[in-house]
Amino acid sequence: MQRPKQQALMFLLGAVLVGGALGFSADRYIGHEKLASQYGSRARFYDDIGLEPQQRVTLDSMLFQQDCAIKAIIAPHDSTLKAMKAHFQAQRDSVLTKDQKTKLEAQRKVIDARRAAERAKEPKRTCSAN
């Protein structure tokens, strides 16, 4: 009787640890975009801290390499992250009224347009397969 309880407890502990690690990783990845949109454009950030042109180029390259590395780490979990996001959105939509959903969608379109405009300003780069 004691052994099945221990196995169940260990399974739950493992599930909590794995879920926590995946949740933390997803939050860090998604949270980066939120932080970037709150602060503003990268150029404004660079201006605020007074970076020289060569420093900007170097920092841009380093940030791009980091982004590629993060994408490579998260890629195997992409479908899980999308499913979690869709599940949350369905739950969120069940709480909102029709008017609130309309307002949320309008805000989402504005944010998406602003992000698309920012991306259009940045040079087109692709991550190399390592």
C-alpha atoms as a PDB file:
ATOM      1  CA  MET A   1       0.000   0.000   0.000  1.00  0.00           C
ATOM      2  CA  GLN A   2       2.855   2.398   0.754  1.00  0.00           C
ATOM      3  CA  ARG A   3       4.705   1.893  -2.564  1.00  0.00           C
ATOM      4  CA  PRO A   4       1.869   3.081  -4.885  1.00  0.00           C
ATOM      5  CA  LYS A   5       1.484   6.220  -2.779  1.00  0.00           C
ATOM      6  CA  GLN A   6       5.203   6.925  -3.066  1.00  0.00           C
ATOM      7  CA  GLN A   7       5.133   6.364  -6.821  1.00  0.00           C
ATOM      8  CA  ALA A   8       2.157   8.680  -7.209  1.00  0.00           C
ATOM      9  CA  LEU A   9       3.835  11.336  -5.098  1.00  0.00           C
ATOM     10  CA  MET A  10       7.067  11.080  -7.098  1.00  0.00           C
ATOM     11  CA  PHE A  11       5.112  11.288 -10.362  1.00  0.00           C
ATOM     12  CA  LEU A  12       3.316  14.420  -9.186  1.00  0.00           C
ATOM     13  CA  LEU A  13       6.563  15.964  -8.007  1.00  0.00           C
ATOM     14  CA  GLY A  14       8.180  15.250 -11.374  1.00  0.00           C
ATOM     15  CA  ALA A  15       5.190  16.681 -13.239  1.00  0.00           C
ATOM     16  CA  VAL A  16       5.309  19.850 -11.146  1.00  0.00           C
ATOM     17  CA  LEU A  17       9.048  20.281 -11.739  1.00  0.00           C
ATOM     18  CA  VAL A  18       8.792  19.717 -15.495  1.00  0.00           C
ATOM     19  CA  GLY A  19       5.739  21.967 -15.759  1.00  0.00           C
ATOM     20  CA  GLY A  20       7.465  24.665 -13.757  1.00  0.00           C
ATOM     21  CA  ALA A  21      10.590  24.538 -15.901  1.00  0.00           C
ATOM     22  CA  LEU A  22       8.593  24.662 -19.132  1.00  0.00           C
ATOM     23  CA  GLY A  23       6.386  27.446 -17.796  1.00  0.00           C
ATOM     24  CA  PHE A  24       9.376  29.485 -16.674  1.00  0.00           C
ATOM     25  CA  SER A  25      11.067  29.079 -20.058  1.00  0.00           C
ATOM     26  CA  ALA A  26       7.921  30.062 -21.922  1.00  0.00           C
ATOM     27  CA  ASP A  27       7.401  33.066 -19.660  1.00  0.00           C
ATOM     28  CA  ARG A  28      10.956  34.283 -20.241  1.00  0.00           C
ATOM     29  CA  TYR A  29      10.561  33.909 -24.007  1.00  0.00           C
ATOM     30  CA  ILE A  30       7.147  35.554 -24.202  1.00  0.00           C
ATOM     31  CA  GLY A  31       7.954  38.123 -21.514  1.00  0.00           C
ATOM     32  CA  HIS A  32      10.858  39.445 -23.595  1.00  0.00           C
ATOM     33  CA  GLU A  33       8.457  40.667 -26.297  1.00  0.00           C
ATOM     34  CA  LYS A  34       6.237  42.312 -23.694  1.00  0.00           C
ATOM     35  CA  LEU A  35       9.198  44.099 -22.129  1.00  0.00           C
ATOM     36  CA  ALA A  36      10.464  45.229 -25.506  1.00  0.00           C
ATOM     37  CA  SER A  37       7.059  46.610 -26.503  1.00  0.00           C
ATOM     38  CA  GLN A  38       6.690  48.418 -23.171  1.00  0.00           C
ATOM     39  CA  TYR A  39      10.077  50.105 -23.423  1.00  0.00           C
ATOM     40  CA  GLY A  40       9.797  50.981 -27.083  1.00  0.00           C
ATOM     41  CA  SER A  41      12.091  50.540 -30.022  1.00  0.00           C
ATOM     42  CA  ARG A  42      15.604  49.239 -29.700  1.00  0.00           C
ATOM     43  CA  ALA A  43      16.954  52.432 -31.275  1.00  0.00           C
ATOM     44  CA  ARG A  44      15.323  54.524 -28.554  1.00  0.00           C
ATOM     45  CA  PHE A  45      16.853  52.274 -25.917  1.00  0.00           C
ATOM     46  CA  TYR A  46      20.264  52.629 -27.555  1.00  0.00           C
ATOM     47  CA  ASP A  47      19.834  56.414 -27.669  1.00  0.00           C
ATOM     48  CA  ASP A  48      18.831  56.522 -24.001  1.00  0.00           C
ATOM     49  CA  ILE A  49      21.978  54.730 -22.858  1.00  0.00           C
ATOM     50  CA  GLY A  50      24.214  56.532 -25.362  1.00  0.00           C
ATOM     51  CA  LEU A  51      25.603  53.721 -27.498  1.00  0.00           C
ATOM     52  CA  GLU A  52      28.037  54.486 -30.308  1.00  0.00           C
ATOM     53  CA  PRO A  53      27.218  53.126 -33.815  1.00  0.00           C
ATOM     54  CA  GLN A  54      29.733  50.250 -33.540  1.00  0.00           C
ATOM     55  CA  GLN A  55      28.344  49.280 -30.131  1.00  0.00           C
ATOM     56  CA  ARG A  56      24.843  49.205 -31.624  1.00  0.00           C
ATOM     57  CA  VAL A  57      25.933  46.870 -34.408  1.00  0.00           C
ATOM     58  CA  THR A  58      27.734  44.573 -31.982  1.00  0.00           C
ATOM     59  CA  LEU A  59      24.841  44.490 -29.534  1.00  0.00           C
ATOM     60  CA  ASP A  60      22.329  43.881 -32.344  1.00  0.00           C
ATOM     61  CA  SER A  61      24.385  40.898 -33.529  1.00  0.00           C
ATOM     62  CA  MET A  62      24.630  39.496 -30.007  1.00  0.00           C
ATOM     63  CA  LEU A  63      20.877  39.889 -29.432  1.00  0.00           C
ATOM     64  CA  PHE A  64      20.121  38.213 -32.756  1.00  0.00           C
ATOM     65  CA  GLN A  65      22.385  35.263 -31.872  1.00  0.00           C
ATOM     66  CA  GLN A  66      20.670  34.958 -28.493  1.00  0.00           C
ATOM     67  CA  ASP A  67      17.242  35.034 -30.139  1.00  0.00           C
ATOM     68  CA  CYS A  68      18.291  32.260 -32.531  1.00  0.00           C
ATOM     69  CA  ALA A  69      19.563  30.150 -29.618  1.00  0.00           C
ATOM     70  CA  ILE A  70      16.327  30.641 -27.674  1.00  0.00           C
ATOM     71  CA  LYS A  71      14.240  29.720 -30.719  1.00  0.00           C
ATOM     72  CA  ALA A  72      16.303  26.547 -31.189  1.00  0.00           C
ATOM     73  CA  ILE A  73      15.744  25.544 -27.559  1.00  0.00           C
ATOM     74  CA  ILE A  74      12.018  26.245 -27.639  1.00  0.00           C
ATOM     75  CA  ALA A  75      11.350  24.773 -31.106  1.00  0.00           C
ATOM     76  CA  PRO A  76      10.677  21.212 -29.828  1.00  0.00           C
ATOM     77  CA  HIS A  77       8.047  22.624 -27.469  1.00  0.00           C
ATOM     78  CA  ASP A  78       6.415  24.977 -29.975  1.00  0.00           C
ATOM     79  CA  SER A  79       3.255  22.926 -30.467  1.00  0.00           C
ATOM     80  CA  THR A  80       2.819  22.584 -26.698  1.00  0.00           C
ATOM     81  CA  LEU A  81       3.245  26.329 -26.200  1.00  0.00           C
ATOM     82  CA  LYS A  82       0.727  27.069 -28.960  1.00  0.00           C
ATOM     83  CA  ALA A  83      -1.756  24.639 -27.407  1.00  0.00           C
ATOM     84  CA  MET A  84      -1.312  26.251 -23.980  1.00  0.00           C
ATOM     85  CA  LYS A  85      -1.820  29.697 -25.475  1.00  0.00           C
ATOM     86  CA  ALA A  86      -4.948  28.600 -27.366  1.00  0.00           C
ATOM     87  CA  HIS A  87      -6.334  26.992 -24.208  1.00  0.00           C
ATOM     88  CA  PHE A  88      -5.761  30.183 -22.212  1.00  0.00           C
ATOM     89  CA  GLN A  89      -7.345  32.311 -24.935  1.00  0.00           C
ATOM     90  CA  ALA A  90     -10.429  30.091 -24.967  1.00  0.00           C
ATOM     91  CA  GLN A  91     -10.696  30.348 -21.181  1.00  0.00           C
ATOM     92  CA  ARG A  92     -10.171  34.121 -21.322  1.00  0.00           C
ATOM     93  CA  ASP A  93     -12.797  34.531 -24.028  1.00  0.00           C
ATOM     94  CA  SER A  94     -15.318  32.584 -21.960  1.00  0.00           C
ATOM     95  CA  VAL A  95     -14.998  35.232 -19.225  1.00  0.00           C
ATOM     96  CA  LEU A  96     -15.246  38.290 -21.485  1.00  0.00           C
ATOM     97  CA  THR A  97     -18.413  39.860 -22.824  1.00  0.00           C
ATOM     98  CA  LYS A  98     -18.921  40.330 -26.564  1.00  0.00           C
ATOM     99  CA  ASP A  99     -18.086  44.050 -26.240  1.00  0.00           C
ATOM    100  CA  GLN A 100     -14.913  43.270 -24.280  1.00  0.00           C
ATOM    101  CA  LYS A 101     -13.843  40.710 -26.889  1.00  0.00           C
ATOM    102  CA  THR A 102     -14.339  43.323 -29.624  1.00  0.00           C
ATOM    103  CA  LYS A 103     -12.223  45.867 -27.724  1.00  0.00           C
ATOM    104  CA  LEU A 104      -9.522  43.259 -27.049  1.00  0.00           C
ATOM    105  CA  GLU A 105      -9.400  42.320 -30.730  1.00  0.00           C
ATOM    106  CA  ALA A 106      -9.070  45.988 -31.715  1.00  0.00           C
ATOM    107  CA  GLN A 107      -6.172  46.429 -29.291  1.00  0.00           C
ATOM    108  CA  ARG A 108      -4.553  43.244 -30.610  1.00  0.00           C
ATOM    109  CA  LYS A 109      -4.732  44.595 -34.191  1.00  0.00           C
ATOM    110  CA  VAL A 110      -3.062  47.861 -33.133  1.00  0.00           C
ATOM    111  CA  ILE A 111      -0.287  45.982 -31.317  1.00  0.00           C
ATOM    112  CA  ASP A 112       0.237  43.596 -34.244  1.00  0.00           C
ATOM    113  CA  ALA A 113       0.432  46.523 -36.696  1.00  0.00           C
ATOM    114  CA  ARG A 114       2.981  48.302 -34.496  1.00  0.00           C
ATOM    115  CA  ARG A 115       5.103  45.146 -34.237  1.00  0.00           C
ATOM    116  CA  ALA A 116       4.927  44.605 -37.995  1.00  0.00           C
ATOM    117  CA  ALA A 117       6.074  48.188 -38.583  1.00  0.00           C
ATOM    118  CA  GLU A 118       8.994  47.706 -36.176  1.00  0.00           C
ATOM    119  CA  ARG A 119       9.986  44.438 -37.854  1.00  0.00           C
ATOM    120  CA  ALA A 120       9.870  46.098 -41.278  1.00  0.00           C
ATOM    121  CA  LYS A 121      12.499  48.603 -40.097  1.00  0.00           C
ATOM    122  CA  GLU A 122      14.891  45.868 -38.955  1.00  0.00           C
ATOM    123  CA  PRO A 123      17.207  44.082 -41.385  1.00  0.00           C
ATOM    124  CA  LYS A 124      15.965  40.715 -42.611  1.00  0.00           C
ATOM    125  CA  ARG A 125      18.083  37.942 -41.096  1.00  0.00           C
ATOM    126  CA  THR A 126      17.660  34.220 -40.708  1.00  0.00           C
ATOM    127  CA  CYS A 127      19.133  31.951 -38.121  1.00  0.00           C
ATOM    128  CA  SER A 128      21.763  29.560 -39.425  1.00  0.00           C
ATOM    129  CA  ALA A 129      21.439  25.875 -38.597  1.00  0.00           C
ATOM    130  CA  ASN A 130      24.235  24.918 -36.233  1.00  0.00           C
END
